[in-house]
C-alpha atoms as a PDB file:
ATOM      1  CA  MET A   1     -21.445 -13.036 -20.784  1.00  0.00           C
ATOM      2  CA  GLY A   2     -21.873 -16.628 -19.768  1.00  0.00           C
ATOM      3  CA  GLU A   3     -23.125 -18.191 -16.592  1.00  0.00           C
ATOM      4  CA  PRO A   4     -23.296 -15.903 -13.531  1.00  0.00           C
ATOM      5  CA  ASN A   5     -21.112 -16.694 -10.534  1.00  0.00           C
ATOM      6  CA  ARG A   6     -22.730 -18.881  -7.920  1.00  0.00           C
ATOM      7  CA  SER A   7     -21.535 -20.812  -4.925  1.00  0.00           C
ATOM      8  CA  ARG A   8     -20.174 -24.334  -5.452  1.00  0.00           C
ATOM      9  CA  LEU A   9     -21.811 -25.207  -2.128  1.00  0.00           C
ATOM     10  CA  LEU A  10     -25.173 -25.397  -3.927  1.00  0.00           C
ATOM     11  CA  ASP A  11     -23.838 -28.113  -6.253  1.00  0.00           C
ATOM     12  CA  TYR A  12     -22.936 -30.321  -3.290  1.00  0.00           C
ATOM     13  CA  ALA A  13     -26.226 -29.644  -1.499  1.00  0.00           C
ATOM     14  CA  GLN A  14     -28.357 -30.473  -4.574  1.00  0.00           C
ATOM     15  CA  GLU A  15     -26.486 -33.723  -5.207  1.00  0.00           C
ATOM     16  CA  ALA A  16     -26.877 -34.812  -1.603  1.00  0.00           C
ATOM     17  CA  VAL A  17     -30.645 -34.322  -1.904  1.00  0.00           C
ATOM     18  CA  ALA A  18     -30.832 -36.101  -5.262  1.00  0.00           C
ATOM     19  CA  GLY A  19     -28.759 -39.001  -3.944  1.00  0.00           C
ATOM     20  CA  THR A  20     -25.959 -38.631  -6.466  1.00  0.00           C
ATOM     21  CA  PRO A  21     -22.728 -39.915  -4.932  1.00  0.00           C
ATOM     22  CA  GLY A  22     -19.675 -37.656  -4.740  1.00  0.00           C
ATOM     23  CA  PRO A  23     -19.028 -34.119  -5.847  1.00  0.00           C
ATOM     24  CA  PRO A  24     -19.618 -33.041  -9.448  1.00  0.00           C
ATOM     25  CA  GLU A  25     -16.808 -32.658 -11.947  1.00  0.00           C
ATOM     26  CA  PRO A  26     -15.241 -29.260 -11.375  1.00  0.00           C
ATOM     27  CA  ARG A  27     -16.052 -26.663 -13.995  1.00  0.00           C
ATOM     28  CA  ARG A  28     -13.367 -24.545 -15.558  1.00  0.00           C
ATOM     29  CA  SER A  29     -13.085 -21.136 -13.905  1.00  0.00           C
ATOM     30  CA  SER A  30     -14.373 -18.169 -15.879  1.00  0.00           C
ATOM     31  CA  LEU A  31     -11.353 -16.293 -14.600  1.00  0.00           C
ATOM     32  CA  LEU A  32      -9.193 -18.318 -16.980  1.00  0.00           C
ATOM     33  CA  ASP A  33     -11.343 -17.149 -19.892  1.00  0.00           C
ATOM     34  CA  TYR A  34     -10.624 -13.531 -18.956  1.00  0.00           C
ATOM     35  CA  ALA A  35      -6.899 -14.215 -18.466  1.00  0.00           C
ATOM     36  CA  GLU A  36      -6.590 -15.915 -21.842  1.00  0.00           C
ATOM     37  CA  ALA A  37      -8.662 -13.359 -23.727  1.00  0.00           C
ATOM     38  CA  GLU A  38      -6.890 -10.598 -25.575  1.00  0.00           C
ATOM     39  CA  THR A  39      -7.086  -7.139 -24.058  1.00  0.00           C
ATOM     40  CA  PRO A  40      -9.667  -5.132 -25.980  1.00  0.00           C
ATOM     41  CA  GLU A  41      -8.394  -2.105 -27.820  1.00  0.00           C
ATOM     42  CA  ARG A  42      -9.396   1.157 -26.167  1.00  0.00           C
ATOM     43  CA  PRO A  43     -10.149   4.241 -28.171  1.00  0.00           C
ATOM     44  CA  ALA A  44      -7.481   6.901 -27.736  1.00  0.00           C
ATOM     45  CA  ALA A  45      -9.976   9.131 -25.893  1.00  0.00           C
ATOM     46  CA  GLU A  46     -10.395   6.505 -23.133  1.00  0.00           C
ATOM     47  CA  ALA A  47      -6.692   5.871 -22.644  1.00  0.00           C
ATOM     48  CA  ARG A  48      -5.247   7.107 -19.358  1.00  0.00           C
ATOM     49  CA  PRO A  49      -2.900  10.014 -20.014  1.00  0.00           C
ATOM     50  CA  GLY A  50       0.754   9.339 -19.381  1.00  0.00           C
ATOM     51  CA  PRO A  51       2.791  11.235 -16.831  1.00  0.00           C
ATOM     52  CA  LYS A  52       3.847  14.791 -17.538  1.00  0.00           C
ATOM     53  CA  PRO A  53       7.534  15.317 -18.334  1.00  0.00           C
ATOM     54  CA  GLY A  54       9.571  14.973 -15.147  1.00  0.00           C
ATOM     55  CA  VAL A  55       6.730  13.239 -13.253  1.00  0.00           C
ATOM     56  CA  PRO A  56       7.209   9.550 -12.456  1.00  0.00           C
ATOM     57  CA  PRO A  57       4.522   7.049 -13.508  1.00  0.00           C
ATOM     58  CA  TYR A  58       1.671   6.485 -11.061  1.00  0.00           C
ATOM     59  CA  GLU A  59       2.914   3.052  -9.919  1.00  0.00           C
ATOM     60  CA  THR A  60       6.528   4.114  -9.271  1.00  0.00           C
ATOM     61  CA  ALA A  61       7.777   2.661  -5.983  1.00  0.00           C
ATOM     62  CA  VAL A  62       9.176   5.236  -3.562  1.00  0.00           C
ATOM     63  CA  PHE A  63      10.697   5.003  -0.079  1.00  0.00           C
ATOM     64  CA  VAL A  64       9.001   7.273   2.443  1.00  0.00           C
ATOM     65  CA  PRO A  65      10.142   8.117   5.981  1.00  0.00           C
ATOM     66  CA  ALA A  66       7.579   6.615   8.314  1.00  0.00           C
ATOM     67  CA  HIS A  67       6.877   6.512  11.996  1.00  0.00           C
ATOM     68  CA  PRO A  68       5.857   3.315  13.763  1.00  0.00           C
ATOM     69  CA  ARG A  69       3.113   3.803  16.305  1.00  0.00           C
ATOM     70  CA  TYR A  70       0.679   1.706  18.270  1.00  0.00           C
ATOM     71  CA  VAL A  71      -2.710   2.090  19.849  1.00  0.00           C
ATOM     72  CA  ASP A  72      -3.874   0.411  23.022  1.00  0.00           C
ATOM     73  CA  ALA A  73      -7.042  -1.585  22.343  1.00  0.00           C
ATOM     74  CA  VAL A  74      -9.076  -4.484  23.700  1.00  0.00           C
ATOM     75  CA  ASP A  75      -9.372  -7.813  21.857  1.00  0.00           C
ATOM     76  CA  GLU A  76     -12.527  -9.954  21.458  1.00  0.00           C
ATOM     77  CA  ASP A  77     -11.905 -11.575  24.849  1.00  0.00           C
ATOM     78  CA  GLY A  78     -11.607  -8.241  26.645  1.00  0.00           C
ATOM     79  CA  ARG A  79      -7.823  -8.428  27.083  1.00  0.00           C
ATOM     80  CA  PRO A  80      -5.718  -5.307  26.505  1.00  0.00           C
ATOM     81  CA  VAL A  81      -3.581  -5.468  23.356  1.00  0.00           C
ATOM     82  CA  ARG A  82      -1.265  -3.109  21.479  1.00  0.00           C
ATOM     83  CA  VAL A  83      -1.999  -2.759  17.799  1.00  0.00           C
ATOM     84  CA  PRO A  84       0.999  -1.496  15.779  1.00  0.00           C
ATOM     85  CA  PHE A  85       0.612   0.648  12.681  1.00  0.00           C
ATOM     86  CA  VAL A  86       2.752   2.980  10.597  1.00  0.00           C
ATOM     87  CA  VAL A  87       2.180   6.596   9.563  1.00  0.00           C
ATOM     88  CA  TYR A  88       4.077   8.699   7.054  1.00  0.00           C
ATOM     89  CA  GLU A  89       6.327  11.344   8.542  1.00  0.00           C
ATOM     90  CA  LEU A  90       5.305  14.747   7.253  1.00  0.00           C
ATOM     91  CA  PHE A  91       7.623  17.722   7.165  1.00  0.00           C
ATOM     92  CA  GLU A  92       7.199  21.471   6.988  1.00  0.00           C
ATOM     93  CA  HIS A  93       8.691  22.753   3.755  1.00  0.00           C
ATOM     94  CA  PRO A  94       9.206  26.494   3.155  1.00  0.00           C
ATOM     95  CA  ALA A  95       7.776  26.462  -0.372  1.00  0.00           C
ATOM     96  CA  GLN A  96       5.383  23.517  -0.277  1.00  0.00           C
ATOM     97  CA  ARG A  97       3.909  23.780   3.264  1.00  0.00           C
ATOM     98  CA  THR A  98       3.327  20.227   4.559  1.00  0.00           C
ATOM     99  CA  ALA A  99       5.040  17.520   2.545  1.00  0.00           C
ATOM    100  CA  ALA A 100       5.973  13.864   2.584  1.00  0.00           C
ATOM    101  CA  TYR A 101       9.483  13.257   1.361  1.00  0.00           C
ATOM    102  CA  ALA A 102       9.719  10.351  -1.077  1.00  0.00           C
ATOM    103  CA  PHE A 103      12.970   8.873  -2.310  1.00  0.00           C
ATOM    104  CA  THR A 104      13.625   6.814  -5.417  1.00  0.00           C
ATOM    105  CA  THR A 105      16.202   4.653  -3.605  1.00  0.00           C
ATOM    106  CA  VAL A 106      16.787   3.549  -0.017  1.00  0.00           C
ATOM    107  CA  GLU A 107      20.319   4.928  -0.291  1.00  0.00           C
ATOM    108  CA  LYS A 108      18.982   8.443  -0.930  1.00  0.00           C
ATOM    109  CA  LEU A 109      16.673   8.147   2.083  1.00  0.00           C
ATOM    110  CA  VAL A 110      19.540   6.944   4.297  1.00  0.00           C
ATOM    111  CA  ASP A 111      21.800   9.758   3.038  1.00  0.00           C
ATOM    112  CA  ALA A 112      19.116  12.279   4.017  1.00  0.00           C
ATOM    113  CA  PHE A 113      17.913  10.826   7.337  1.00  0.00           C
ATOM    114  CA  GLY A 114      20.429   8.238   8.535  1.00  0.00           C
ATOM    115  CA  GLU A 115      20.359   4.471   8.880  1.00  0.00           C
ATOM    116  CA  ALA A 116      17.984   4.430  11.863  1.00  0.00           C
ATOM    117  CA  GLN A 117      15.149   6.148   9.973  1.00  0.00           C
ATOM    118  CA  PRO A 118      12.114   3.839   9.694  1.00  0.00           C
ATOM    119  CA  TRP A 119      10.545   3.830   6.231  1.00  0.00           C
ATOM    120  CA  VAL A 120       7.914   2.180   4.065  1.00  0.00           C
ATOM    121  CA  VAL A 121       7.779   1.570   0.338  1.00  0.00           C
ATOM    122  CA  THR A 122       4.648   2.682  -1.513  1.00  0.00           C
ATOM    123  CA  SER A 123       3.477   3.819  -4.957  1.00  0.00           C
ATOM    124  CA  ILE A 124       3.886   7.513  -5.545  1.00  0.00           C
ATOM    125  CA  GLY A 125       0.468   7.922  -7.205  1.00  0.00           C
ATOM    126  CA  PRO A 126      -1.744   6.817  -4.284  1.00  0.00           C
ATOM    127  CA  LEU A 127       0.565   8.629  -1.844  1.00  0.00           C
ATOM    128  CA  ALA A 128       0.263  11.894  -3.786  1.00  0.00           C
ATOM    129  CA  GLU A 129      -3.525  11.523  -4.099  1.00  0.00           C
ATOM    130  CA  ALA A 130      -4.021  10.828  -0.392  1.00  0.00           C
ATOM    131  CA  LEU A 131      -1.844  13.741   0.663  1.00  0.00           C
ATOM    132  CA  GLY A 132      -3.372  16.064  -1.935  1.00  0.00           C
ATOM    133  CA  GLU A 133      -6.821  15.425  -0.440  1.00  0.00           C
ATOM    134  CA  ARG A 134      -5.418  16.681   2.882  1.00  0.00           C
ATOM    135  CA  GLY A 135      -3.712  19.770   1.491  1.00  0.00           C
ATOM    136  CA  ALA A 136      -0.196  18.289   1.521  1.00  0.00           C
ATOM    137  CA  THR A 137       2.170  17.283  -1.244  1.00  0.00           C
ATOM    138  CA  VAL A 138       4.978  14.838  -2.040  1.00  0.00           C
ATOM    139  CA  LEU A 139       8.518  15.982  -2.748  1.00  0.00           C
ATOM    140  CA  LEU A 140      10.556  13.479  -4.723  1.00  0.00           C
ATOM    141  CA  ASP A 141      14.232  13.126  -3.767  1.00  0.00           C
ATOM    142  CA  PRO A 142      14.326  16.390  -1.801  1.00  0.00           C
ATOM    143  CA  ARG A 143      17.549  17.848  -0.482  1.00  0.00           C
ATOM    144  CA  VAL A 144      17.443  17.712   3.287  1.00  0.00           C
ATOM    145  CA  ALA A 145      19.544  20.104   5.345  1.00  0.00           C
ATOM    146  CA  PRO A 146      22.294  18.248   7.176  1.00  0.00           C
ATOM    147  CA  GLY A 147      21.919  18.011  10.895  1.00  0.00           C
ATOM    148  CA  ARG A 148      20.779  15.775  13.677  1.00  0.00           C
ATOM    149  CA  HIS A 149      18.676  12.886  12.374  1.00  0.00           C
ATOM    150  CA  ASN A 150      15.151  12.414  13.752  1.00  0.00           C
ATOM    151  CA  TRP A 151      15.749   8.746  14.549  1.00  0.00           C
ATOM    152  CA  GLN A 152      18.783   7.358  16.346  1.00  0.00           C
ATOM    153  CA  PRO A 153      19.446   3.610  16.752  1.00  0.00           C
ATOM    154  CA  ALA A 154      18.544   3.937  20.454  1.00  0.00           C
ATOM    155  CA  ASP A 155      15.107   5.335  19.470  1.00  0.00           C
ATOM    156  CA  VAL A 156      14.344   2.302  17.315  1.00  0.00           C
ATOM    157  CA  ALA A 157      15.473  -0.078  20.083  1.00  0.00           C
ATOM    158  CA  ALA A 158      13.335   1.773  22.667  1.00  0.00           C
ATOM    159  CA  TYR A 159      10.285   1.581  20.404  1.00  0.00           C
ATOM    160  CA  ALA A 160      10.826  -2.153  19.840  1.00  0.00           C
ATOM    161  CA  ARG A 161      10.990  -2.743  23.609  1.00  0.00           C
ATOM    162  CA  GLU A 162       7.885  -0.633  24.206  1.00  0.00           C
ATOM    163  CA  VAL A 163       5.635  -2.520  21.771  1.00  0.00           C
ATOM    164  CA  ARG A 164       6.655  -6.011  22.880  1.00  0.00           C
END
């Protein structure tokens, strides 16, 4: 496999002790060897199965309604601080129980929830896995009943003022 990784700091320390002036010539990174090497062929049995018909690939980017939040905390110097974070908005769905709604385009999300809806972009695979572990699911491009949107522009402005 070649030489194991080790800190370059040792090279400088050893030369200083030996009295050799200046740093050694830099060695070529082993990372380049891996990048330039051809990808080994995997037997068919080891290959990751592709998505089922109608299921998007694991890495597919989706737009998910989210909710900005913050937690009051104390920094290293003992001063109070607000730490912002974002959580997915989960919805009750008659057939699927608790679900995150994921949209394939921002336009579809805006059509469903309005322009003031906060959102994040994520990969559908990790989102589905995380929610599945908690007994929830992901609905892709769901139809949302028309009505009053959860977020109004005034709500976003109020949140922005609150976390400043």
